[in-house]
Amino acid sequence: MKDLVLYCKSYSQDFLRLKRLLASIDKYNVDRIPFYISTPTAEKALLEGVIGQVGYIWVADEQIVASNPRADLVRYREMSGRLSQQIIKAEFWRLGLAENYLCLDSDSKFIRDFKKSDLVTDENTPYTVLHQNKELFQIAANRGHLQLKRNLGMEAERVQKLFNRVGPSFYCAPAPFNWSARVWQSLDQEFLQPKGIGIWDLITSDHPESLIYGEAALKYHAIPLIAIEPLFRTYHYDWQFFLMKRLGETETKLAENYFGVIYQSAWDVDSHFGASKKSLPSQLLRRIKRFARYLQSYF
């Protein structure tokens, strides 16, 4: 078992973004931390056609699902991809490949050198992203997006109640998630098994995996909590991206404080695999809408 690995669960629509991530890992991974990628078995050939076969170790999503003796492959196939991918990320630890894993999203990329010591202590305890999201909430409030804090706050409160914790809301997001297998194991042993449920019952649209991990870490103390701020700058929304650019933010400047950047795939649709197949009117309409949001960032 390795002390630390990098891991990304991906799928075909994100393969162009994944190719960009892989290139950045190859460039900036000083300690050559092993990089694992998982996809559905049916997409392995396409994956290799897009990103090649070098620089990573492939694992089948189905193998991760099957590593849990209480999992159900039929249920996995019936579940929406948005939820099943969260569960697969949370279950990667069961393969026994590493004590800790930096869980990356395909729409990430590194922008400066990173080492093992940036992610774990000498005692192999991962630094935990744990904060109150105040910067994002303030930027959203400044732009009049008050529902953002309300929605995320309600989500955090729902997960807190699962663990009977009272107090301020904490967030272990955005990605990448610097996760410990010990925390996920403690969740399984202390929460899931006594209730006779599985993680497939716990992670839902109301209870995302990042909040569950954070609450489990706070509740069961499987690892010492050494809190850090997010490792990457994340542009959650296009209006946020345009606003930050107008203020002079560049990847070069971001590298002073962040190891990487995330351009959320929810709005960065031009990077979808197969995006060029969209009709010309559809592409023009998307660009017009984006330009309108760009103008709004000035007012």
Foldseek 3Di string as FASTA:
>chain_A
DALEAEEEEDEQQLLLLLLQALVQCVVAAPALGAYEYEYAPVCPVVSCVRNNDPRHHYDYLVVLQVLDVPGDVVVLVVDDPVQSNQVSLLSVCSVVPHQKYFYAYSQKHFLHHDYPVVAAPPVSFGAFAKDQCVVVCVVCVVLVNNVVCVVVVQLQVVLCVLLVDDDGGMFRDDGRGTDGSQLSVQCCVVPAVVVVHDVVVVDDPSHGPRSNSVNSCVRPVSDDHRHDHDQEAEDPDLLSVLLVVVVPDDSVVRVVPHRIYGDDCVLVVVSTVVSVVDDPVVVVVSVVVSVVSSVSSVD
